Amino acid sequence: MKLMLRRSGEDLSAYVAKTDLEARVVETQHPGLWGGWIKLSNGWVFELPEMDPGTRLPISVEARRIEG
């Protein structure tokens, strides 16, 4: 699924285009964002691709939904 990730202050949010859903990121597998999973406030979990830690937000990525 296509996710758009962005940061607003300290909060990180994700927009899921296919379902027109915007939700806060509530948990991450790693302190850095890339190469692990993220959990959204609605319970969905996505696996993010490996990317350079310095990748700037906002960005659209192809992510795989693994739970929720």
C-alpha atoms as a PDB file:
ATOM      1  CA  MET A   1       0.000   0.000   0.000  1.00  0.00           C
ATOM      2  CA  LYS A   2       1.104   3.545  -0.609  1.00  0.00           C
ATOM      3  CA  LEU A   3       1.780   5.471   2.632  1.00  0.00           C
ATOM      4  CA  MET A   4       2.626   9.126   2.971  1.00  0.00           C
ATOM      5  CA  LEU A   5       4.622   9.770   6.138  1.00  0.00           C
ATOM      6  CA  ARG A   6       5.025  13.221   7.627  1.00  0.00           C
ATOM      7  CA  ARG A   7       6.121  14.842  10.850  1.00  0.00           C
ATOM      8  CA  SER A   8       4.257  17.645  12.617  1.00  0.00           C
ATOM      9  CA  GLY A   9       6.319  18.847  15.558  1.00  0.00           C
ATOM     10  CA  GLU A  10       7.114  15.717  17.568  1.00  0.00           C
ATOM     11  CA  ASP A  11       4.218  13.694  16.104  1.00  0.00           C
ATOM     12  CA  LEU A  12       4.597  11.358  13.157  1.00  0.00           C
ATOM     13  CA  SER A  13       1.540  10.553  11.050  1.00  0.00           C
ATOM     14  CA  ALA A  14       0.730   8.360   8.078  1.00  0.00           C
ATOM     15  CA  TYR A  15      -1.820   8.840   5.322  1.00  0.00           C
ATOM     16  CA  VAL A  16      -3.071   5.676   3.603  1.00  0.00           C
ATOM     17  CA  ALA A  17      -4.232   6.821   0.182  1.00  0.00           C
ATOM     18  CA  LYS A  18      -6.198   3.694  -0.754  1.00  0.00           C
ATOM     19  CA  THR A  19      -8.517   4.052   2.254  1.00  0.00           C
ATOM     20  CA  ASP A  20      -8.326   7.851   2.712  1.00  0.00           C
ATOM     21  CA  LEU A  21      -7.147   7.284   6.296  1.00  0.00           C
ATOM     22  CA  GLU A  22      -4.837   9.535   8.273  1.00  0.00           C
ATOM     23  CA  ALA A  23      -3.588   8.217  11.602  1.00  0.00           C
ATOM     24  CA  ARG A  24      -0.879   8.941  14.144  1.00  0.00           C
ATOM     25  CA  VAL A  25       2.111   6.616  14.414  1.00  0.00           C
ATOM     26  CA  VAL A  26       1.952   5.307  17.998  1.00  0.00           C
ATOM     27  CA  GLU A  27       4.776   2.753  18.000  1.00  0.00           C
ATOM     28  CA  THR A  28       7.862   1.915  15.937  1.00  0.00           C
ATOM     29  CA  GLN A  29      10.052  -1.185  15.921  1.00  0.00           C
ATOM     30  CA  HIS A  30      13.301   0.815  15.798  1.00  0.00           C
ATOM     31  CA  PRO A  31      14.248   4.263  17.119  1.00  0.00           C
ATOM     32  CA  GLY A  32      14.792   5.171  13.457  1.00  0.00           C
ATOM     33  CA  LEU A  33      11.839   4.937  11.133  1.00  0.00           C
ATOM     34  CA  TRP A  34      13.126   2.773   8.281  1.00  0.00           C
ATOM     35  CA  GLY A  35      13.452  -0.980   7.909  1.00  0.00           C
ATOM     36  CA  GLY A  36      11.020  -2.051  10.593  1.00  0.00           C
ATOM     37  CA  TRP A  37       7.337  -1.878  11.394  1.00  0.00           C
ATOM     38  CA  ILE A  38       5.167   1.010  12.551  1.00  0.00           C
ATOM     39  CA  LYS A  39       1.839   0.818  14.358  1.00  0.00           C
ATOM     40  CA  LEU A  40      -0.898   3.373  13.671  1.00  0.00           C
ATOM     41  CA  SER A  41      -3.447   4.665  16.155  1.00  0.00           C
ATOM     42  CA  ASN A  42      -6.181   2.549  14.501  1.00  0.00           C
ATOM     43  CA  GLY A  43      -4.195  -0.674  15.157  1.00  0.00           C
ATOM     44  CA  TRP A  44      -2.838  -1.241  11.651  1.00  0.00           C
ATOM     45  CA  VAL A  45       0.808  -2.311  11.429  1.00  0.00           C
ATOM     46  CA  PHE A  46       2.933  -1.657   8.341  1.00  0.00           C
ATOM     47  CA  GLU A  47       6.396  -2.862   7.388  1.00  0.00           C
ATOM     48  CA  LEU A  48       8.465  -0.003   5.980  1.00  0.00           C
ATOM     49  CA  PRO A  49      11.242  -0.329   3.404  1.00  0.00           C
ATOM     50  CA  GLU A  50      14.933   0.110   4.216  1.00  0.00           C
ATOM     51  CA  MET A  51      15.952   3.691   3.530  1.00  0.00           C
ATOM     52  CA  ASP A  52      18.748   6.038   4.495  1.00  0.00           C
ATOM     53  CA  PRO A  53      18.276   7.317   8.102  1.00  0.00           C
ATOM     54  CA  GLY A  54      18.612  10.891   6.806  1.00  0.00           C
ATOM     55  CA  THR A  55      15.605  10.578   4.479  1.00  0.00           C
ATOM     56  CA  ARG A  56      13.527  13.736   4.753  1.00  0.00           C
ATOM     57  CA  LEU A  57       9.794  13.807   5.425  1.00  0.00           C
ATOM     58  CA  PRO A  58       7.161  14.099   4.020  1.00  0.00           C
ATOM     59  CA  ILE A  59       7.641  11.120   1.735  1.00  0.00           C
ATOM     60  CA  SER A  60       5.449   8.543  -0.011  1.00  0.00           C
ATOM     61  CA  VAL A  61       6.580   4.928   0.256  1.00  0.00           C
ATOM     62  CA  GLU A  62       5.295   1.502  -0.657  1.00  0.00           C
ATOM     63  CA  ALA A  63       4.632  -0.341   2.629  1.00  0.00           C
ATOM     64  CA  ARG A  64       3.234  -3.779   3.404  1.00  0.00           C
ATOM     65  CA  ARG A  65       0.370  -4.123   5.878  1.00  0.00           C
ATOM     66  CA  ILE A  66       1.155  -6.960   8.280  1.00  0.00           C
ATOM     67  CA  GLU A  67      -1.543  -6.574  10.975  1.00  0.00           C
ATOM     68  CA  GLY A  68      -4.817  -4.880  11.752  1.00  0.00           C
END
